[in-house]
Amino acid sequence: MNDVGQALGKSVSAYNRAVGSLETRILPAARRFKELGVSSDRDIPVLESAGVVPRKTLTFDIE
């Protein structure tokens, strides 16, 4: 179960990094299209990061 939690945590971190990269690199350039007069009537949606971190499991020593 601990492996699943770690994998889920890594997935959330990777998603948050991808959203951050999109917000800092791609979206500013895309928003500049409006300034240049090249755009559609749709706005670019705001993406939110996944703020949930998986709960750590308790470990038990079973003899």
PDB file of N, CA and C in Angstrom:
ATOM      1  N   MET A   1       0.828  -1.188   0.000  1.00  0.00           N
ATOM      2  CA  MET A   1       0.000   0.000   0.000  1.00  0.00           C
ATOM      3  C   MET A   1       0.876   1.257   0.000  1.00  0.00           C
ATOM      4  N   ASN A   2       2.016   1.160   0.656  1.00  0.00           N
ATOM      5  CA  ASN A   2       2.928   2.300   0.702  1.00  0.00           C
ATOM      6  C   ASN A   2       3.419   2.665  -0.702  1.00  0.00           C
ATOM      7  N   ASP A   3       3.661   1.643  -1.541  1.00  0.00           N
ATOM      8  CA  ASP A   3       4.111   1.891  -2.918  1.00  0.00           C
ATOM      9  C   ASP A   3       3.059   2.653  -3.714  1.00  0.00           C
ATOM     10  N   VAL A   4       1.792   2.315  -3.505  1.00  0.00           N
ATOM     11  CA  VAL A   4       0.706   3.000  -4.210  1.00  0.00           C
ATOM     12  C   VAL A   4       0.656   4.466  -3.793  1.00  0.00           C
ATOM     13  N   GLY A   5       0.804   4.724  -2.495  1.00  0.00           N
ATOM     14  CA  GLY A   5       0.806   6.101  -1.999  1.00  0.00           C
ATOM     15  C   GLY A   5       1.961   6.908  -2.561  1.00  0.00           C
ATOM     16  N   GLN A   6       3.143   6.294  -2.627  1.00  0.00           N
ATOM     17  CA  GLN A   6       4.301   6.989  -3.191  1.00  0.00           C
ATOM     18  C   GLN A   6       4.097   7.285  -4.669  1.00  0.00           C
ATOM     19  N   ALA A   7       3.557   6.322  -5.403  1.00  0.00           N
ATOM     20  CA  ALA A   7       3.311   6.523  -6.836  1.00  0.00           C
ATOM     21  C   ALA A   7       2.271   7.619  -7.051  1.00  0.00           C
ATOM     22  N   LEU A   8       1.243   7.634  -6.222  1.00  0.00           N
ATOM     23  CA  LEU A   8       0.216   8.667  -6.331  1.00  0.00           C
ATOM     24  C   LEU A   8       0.806  10.041  -6.025  1.00  0.00           C
ATOM     25  N   GLY A   9       1.652  10.118  -5.011  1.00  0.00           N
ATOM     26  CA  GLY A   9       2.317  11.375  -4.677  1.00  0.00           C
ATOM     27  C   GLY A   9       3.188  11.878  -5.814  1.00  0.00           C
ATOM     28  N   LYS A  10       3.911  10.967  -6.466  1.00  0.00           N
ATOM     29  CA  LYS A  10       4.746  11.350  -7.607  1.00  0.00           C
ATOM     30  C   LYS A  10       3.887  11.835  -8.772  1.00  0.00           C
ATOM     31  N   SER A  11       2.731  11.196  -8.967  1.00  0.00           N
ATOM     32  CA  SER A  11       1.822  11.616 -10.041  1.00  0.00           C
ATOM     33  C   SER A  11       1.286  13.018  -9.789  1.00  0.00           C
ATOM     34  N   VAL A  12       0.908  13.303  -8.548  1.00  0.00           N
ATOM     35  CA  VAL A  12       0.407  14.633  -8.196  1.00  0.00           C
ATOM     36  C   VAL A  12       1.506  15.669  -8.401  1.00  0.00           C
ATOM     37  N   SER A  13       2.726  15.355  -7.990  1.00  0.00           N
ATOM     38  CA  SER A  13       3.848  16.282  -8.176  1.00  0.00           C
ATOM     39  C   SER A  13       4.111  16.541  -9.655  1.00  0.00           C
ATOM     40  N   ALA A  14       4.077  15.494 -10.468  1.00  0.00           N
ATOM     41  CA  ALA A  14       4.307  15.655 -11.907  1.00  0.00           C
ATOM     42  C   ALA A  14       3.206  16.501 -12.538  1.00  0.00           C
ATOM     43  N   TYR A  15       1.959  16.288 -12.131  1.00  0.00           N
ATOM     44  CA  TYR A  15       0.846  17.081 -12.651  1.00  0.00           C
ATOM     45  C   TYR A  15       1.025  18.550 -12.278  1.00  0.00           C
ATOM     46  N   ASN A  16       1.371  18.811 -11.016  1.00  0.00           N
ATOM     47  CA  ASN A  16       1.556  20.190 -10.571  1.00  0.00           C
ATOM     48  C   ASN A  16       2.707  20.871 -11.307  1.00  0.00           C
ATOM     49  N   ARG A  17       3.784  20.142 -11.580  1.00  0.00           N
ATOM     50  CA  ARG A  17       4.895  20.716 -12.349  1.00  0.00           C
ATOM     51  C   ARG A  17       4.451  21.036 -13.776  1.00  0.00           C
ATOM     52  N   ALA A  18       3.657  20.148 -14.369  1.00  0.00           N
ATOM     53  CA  ALA A  18       3.172  20.382 -15.736  1.00  0.00           C
ATOM     54  C   ALA A  18       2.259  21.600 -15.788  1.00  0.00           C
ATOM     55  N   VAL A  19       1.367  21.743 -14.812  1.00  0.00           N
ATOM     56  CA  VAL A  19       0.482  22.908 -14.761  1.00  0.00           C
ATOM     57  C   VAL A  19       1.304  24.177 -14.576  1.00  0.00           C
ATOM     58  N   GLY A  20       2.298  24.138 -13.700  1.00  0.00           N
ATOM     59  CA  GLY A  20       3.158  25.306 -13.481  1.00  0.00           C
ATOM     60  C   GLY A  20       3.912  25.694 -14.733  1.00  0.00           C
ATOM     61  N   SER A  21       4.426  24.718 -15.452  1.00  0.00           N
ATOM     62  CA  SER A  21       5.144  24.990 -16.694  1.00  0.00           C
ATOM     63  C   SER A  21       4.211  25.588 -17.740  1.00  0.00           C
ATOM     64  N   LEU A  22       3.020  25.037 -17.844  1.00  0.00           N
ATOM     65  CA  LEU A  22       2.038  25.558 -18.794  1.00  0.00           C
ATOM     66  C   LEU A  22       1.685  27.005 -18.464  1.00  0.00           C
ATOM     67  N   GLU A  23       1.488  27.289 -17.170  1.00  0.00           N
ATOM     68  CA  GLU A  23       1.112  28.641 -16.762  1.00  0.00           C
ATOM     69  C   GLU A  23       2.235  29.653 -16.974  1.00  0.00           C
ATOM     70  N   THR A  24       3.493  29.239 -16.819  1.00  0.00           N
ATOM     71  CA  THR A  24       4.592  30.203 -16.926  1.00  0.00           C
ATOM     72  C   THR A  24       5.179  30.304 -18.325  1.00  0.00           C
ATOM     73  N   ARG A  25       5.023  29.275 -19.156  1.00  0.00           N
ATOM     74  CA  ARG A  25       5.657  29.288 -20.474  1.00  0.00           C
ATOM     75  C   ARG A  25       4.675  29.408 -21.632  1.00  0.00           C
ATOM     76  N   ILE A  26       3.615  28.640 -21.606  1.00  0.00           N
ATOM     77  CA  ILE A  26       2.710  28.568 -22.756  1.00  0.00           C
ATOM     78  C   ILE A  26       1.604  29.621 -22.688  1.00  0.00           C
ATOM     79  N   LEU A  27       0.913  29.706 -21.562  1.00  0.00           N
ATOM     80  CA  LEU A  27      -0.244  30.594 -21.475  1.00  0.00           C
ATOM     81  C   LEU A  27       0.090  32.076 -21.647  1.00  0.00           C
ATOM     82  N   PRO A  28       1.211  32.587 -21.119  1.00  0.00           N
ATOM     83  CA  PRO A  28       1.513  34.001 -21.378  1.00  0.00           C
ATOM     84  C   PRO A  28       1.653  34.300 -22.873  1.00  0.00           C
ATOM     85  N   ALA A  29       2.284  33.399 -23.608  1.00  0.00           N
ATOM     86  CA  ALA A  29       2.423  33.596 -25.054  1.00  0.00           C
ATOM     87  C   ALA A  29       1.064  33.508 -25.738  1.00  0.00           C
ATOM     88  N   ALA A  30       0.232  32.584 -25.298  1.00  0.00           N
ATOM     89  CA  ALA A  30      -1.099  32.446 -25.898  1.00  0.00           C
ATOM     90  C   ALA A  30      -1.952  33.681 -25.622  1.00  0.00           C
ATOM     91  N   ARG A  31      -1.819  34.263 -24.440  1.00  0.00           N
ATOM     92  CA  ARG A  31      -2.602  35.459 -24.110  1.00  0.00           C
ATOM     93  C   ARG A  31      -2.144  36.674 -24.916  1.00  0.00           C
ATOM     94  N   ARG A  32      -0.894  36.683 -25.353  1.00  0.00           N
ATOM     95  CA  ARG A  32      -0.394  37.793 -26.168  1.00  0.00           C
ATOM     96  C   ARG A  32      -1.055  37.841 -27.540  1.00  0.00           C
ATOM     97  N   PHE A  33      -1.631  36.738 -27.974  1.00  0.00           N
ATOM     98  CA  PHE A  33      -2.319  36.737 -29.265  1.00  0.00           C
ATOM     99  C   PHE A  33      -3.445  37.762 -29.288  1.00  0.00           C
ATOM    100  N   LYS A  34      -4.118  37.969 -28.145  1.00  0.00           N
ATOM    101  CA  LYS A  34      -5.178  38.981 -28.090  1.00  0.00           C
ATOM    102  C   LYS A  34      -4.613  40.363 -28.382  1.00  0.00           C
ATOM    103  N   GLU A  35      -3.433  40.664 -27.818  1.00  0.00           N
ATOM    104  CA  GLU A  35      -2.795  41.959 -28.057  1.00  0.00           C
ATOM    105  C   GLU A  35      -2.456  42.144 -29.533  1.00  0.00           C
ATOM    106  N   LEU A  36      -2.163  41.046 -30.207  1.00  0.00           N
ATOM    107  CA  LEU A  36      -1.810  41.109 -31.625  1.00  0.00           C
ATOM    108  C   LEU A  36      -3.033  41.075 -32.539  1.00  0.00           C
ATOM    109  N   GLY A  37      -4.213  40.929 -31.931  1.00  0.00           N
ATOM    110  CA  GLY A  37      -5.438  40.903 -32.719  1.00  0.00           C
ATOM    111  C   GLY A  37      -5.773  39.541 -33.290  1.00  0.00           C
ATOM    112  N   VAL A  38      -5.072  38.514 -32.841  1.00  0.00           N
ATOM    113  CA  VAL A  38      -5.335  37.155 -33.307  1.00  0.00           C
ATOM    114  C   VAL A  38      -5.899  36.377 -32.124  1.00  0.00           C
ATOM    115  N   SER A  39      -7.196  36.194 -32.105  1.00  0.00           N
ATOM    116  CA  SER A  39      -7.785  35.467 -30.984  1.00  0.00           C
ATOM    117  C   SER A  39      -9.176  34.980 -31.349  1.00  0.00           C
ATOM    118  N   SER A  40      -9.725  34.199 -30.458  1.00  0.00           N
ATOM    119  CA  SER A  40     -11.106  33.763 -30.602  1.00  0.00           C
ATOM    120  C   SER A  40     -11.919  34.453 -29.512  1.00  0.00           C
ATOM    121  N   ASP A  41     -13.197  34.199 -29.482  1.00  0.00           N
ATOM    122  CA  ASP A  41     -14.037  34.819 -28.462  1.00  0.00           C
ATOM    123  C   ASP A  41     -14.006  34.049 -27.143  1.00  0.00           C
ATOM    124  N   ARG A  42     -13.269  32.939 -27.091  1.00  0.00           N
ATOM    125  CA  ARG A  42     -13.166  32.138 -25.864  1.00  0.00           C
ATOM    126  C   ARG A  42     -11.953  32.568 -25.050  1.00  0.00           C
ATOM    127  N   ASP A  43     -12.111  32.604 -23.736  1.00  0.00           N
ATOM    128  CA  ASP A  43     -10.996  32.905 -22.843  1.00  0.00           C
ATOM    129  C   ASP A  43     -10.239  31.624 -22.516  1.00  0.00           C
ATOM    130  N   ILE A  44      -8.975  31.777 -22.160  1.00  0.00           N
ATOM    131  CA  ILE A  44      -8.161  30.636 -21.746  1.00  0.00           C
ATOM    132  C   ILE A  44      -8.509  30.318 -20.295  1.00  0.00           C
ATOM    133  N   PRO A  45      -8.915  29.078 -20.004  1.00  0.00           N
ATOM    134  CA  PRO A  45      -9.307  28.744 -18.632  1.00  0.00           C
ATOM    135  C   PRO A  45      -8.101  28.724 -17.689  1.00  0.00           C
ATOM    136  N   VAL A  46      -8.363  28.991 -16.423  1.00  0.00           N
ATOM    137  CA  VAL A  46      -7.332  28.934 -15.389  1.00  0.00           C
ATOM    138  C   VAL A  46      -7.247  27.501 -14.884  1.00  0.00           C
ATOM    139  N   LEU A  47      -6.039  26.958 -14.838  1.00  0.00           N
ATOM    140  CA  LEU A  47      -5.834  25.605 -14.332  1.00  0.00           C
ATOM    141  C   LEU A  47      -5.423  25.673 -12.872  1.00  0.00           C
ATOM    142  N   GLU A  48      -5.938  24.764 -12.078  1.00  0.00           N
ATOM    143  CA  GLU A  48      -5.568  24.709 -10.670  1.00  0.00           C
ATOM    144  C   GLU A  48      -4.733  23.469 -10.417  1.00  0.00           C
ATOM    145  N   SER A  49      -3.779  23.604  -9.512  1.00  0.00           N
ATOM    146  CA  SER A  49      -2.946  22.458  -9.172  1.00  0.00           C
ATOM    147  C   SER A  49      -3.720  21.509  -8.270  1.00  0.00           C
ATOM    148  N   ALA A  50      -3.270  20.272  -8.238  1.00  0.00           N
ATOM    149  CA  ALA A  50      -3.872  19.273  -7.358  1.00  0.00           C
ATOM    150  C   ALA A  50      -3.180  19.384  -6.012  1.00  0.00           C
ATOM    151  N   GLY A  51      -3.866  19.898  -5.025  1.00  0.00           N
ATOM    152  CA  GLY A  51      -3.251  20.156  -3.734  1.00  0.00           C
ATOM    153  C   GLY A  51      -3.338  19.001  -2.760  1.00  0.00           C
ATOM    154  N   VAL A  52      -3.868  17.881  -3.177  1.00  0.00           N
ATOM    155  CA  VAL A  52      -4.057  16.753  -2.267  1.00  0.00           C
ATOM    156  C   VAL A  52      -2.821  15.870  -2.283  1.00  0.00           C
ATOM    157  N   VAL A  53      -2.323  15.566  -1.100  1.00  0.00           N
ATOM    158  CA  VAL A  53      -1.170  14.683  -0.957  1.00  0.00           C
ATOM    159  C   VAL A  53      -1.661  13.388  -0.317  1.00  0.00           C
ATOM    160  N   PRO A  54      -1.232  12.234  -0.829  1.00  0.00           N
ATOM    161  CA  PRO A  54      -1.700  10.975  -0.244  1.00  0.00           C
ATOM    162  C   PRO A  54      -1.255  10.818   1.204  1.00  0.00           C
ATOM    163  N   ARG A  55      -2.102  10.222   1.987  1.00  0.00           N
ATOM    164  CA  ARG A  55      -1.819   9.989   3.397  1.00  0.00           C
ATOM    165  C   ARG A  55      -0.779   8.891   3.542  1.00  0.00           C
ATOM    166  N   LYS A  56       0.134   9.060   4.472  1.00  0.00           N
ATOM    167  CA  LYS A  56       1.153   8.038   4.715  1.00  0.00           C
ATOM    168  C   LYS A  56       0.527   6.871   5.475  1.00  0.00           C
ATOM    169  N   THR A  57       1.007   5.674   5.168  1.00  0.00           N
ATOM    170  CA  THR A  57       0.504   4.491   5.858  1.00  0.00           C
ATOM    171  C   THR A  57       1.323   4.236   7.110  1.00  0.00           C
ATOM    172  N   LEU A  58       0.696   3.610   8.071  1.00  0.00           N
ATOM    173  CA  LEU A  58       1.392   3.227   9.295  1.00  0.00           C
ATOM    174  C   LEU A  58       2.112   1.909   9.051  1.00  0.00           C
ATOM    175  N   THR A  59       3.274   1.761   9.635  1.00  0.00           N
ATOM    176  CA  THR A  59       4.000   0.499   9.496  1.00  0.00           C
ATOM    177  C   THR A  59       3.919  -0.261  10.809  1.00  0.00           C
ATOM    178  N   PHE A  60       3.728  -1.548  10.707  1.00  0.00           N
ATOM    179  CA  PHE A  60       3.634  -2.413  11.872  1.00  0.00           C
ATOM    180  C   PHE A  60       4.691  -3.500  11.767  1.00  0.00           C
ATOM    181  N   ASP A  61       5.296  -3.821  12.886  1.00  0.00           N
ATOM    182  CA  ASP A  61       6.223  -4.949  12.935  1.00  0.00           C
ATOM    183  C   ASP A  61       5.432  -6.185  13.327  1.00  0.00           C
ATOM    184  N   ILE A  62       5.284  -7.098  12.394  1.00  0.00           N
ATOM    185  CA  ILE A  62       4.544  -8.336  12.656  1.00  0.00           C
ATOM    186  C   ILE A  62       5.555  -9.463  12.748  1.00  0.00           C
ATOM    187  N   GLU A  63       5.528 -10.139  13.863  1.00  0.00           N
ATOM    188  CA  GLU A  63       6.482 -11.242  14.069  1.00  0.00           C
ATOM    189  C   GLU A  63       5.801 -12.566  13.995  1.00  0.00           C
TER     190      GLU A  63
END
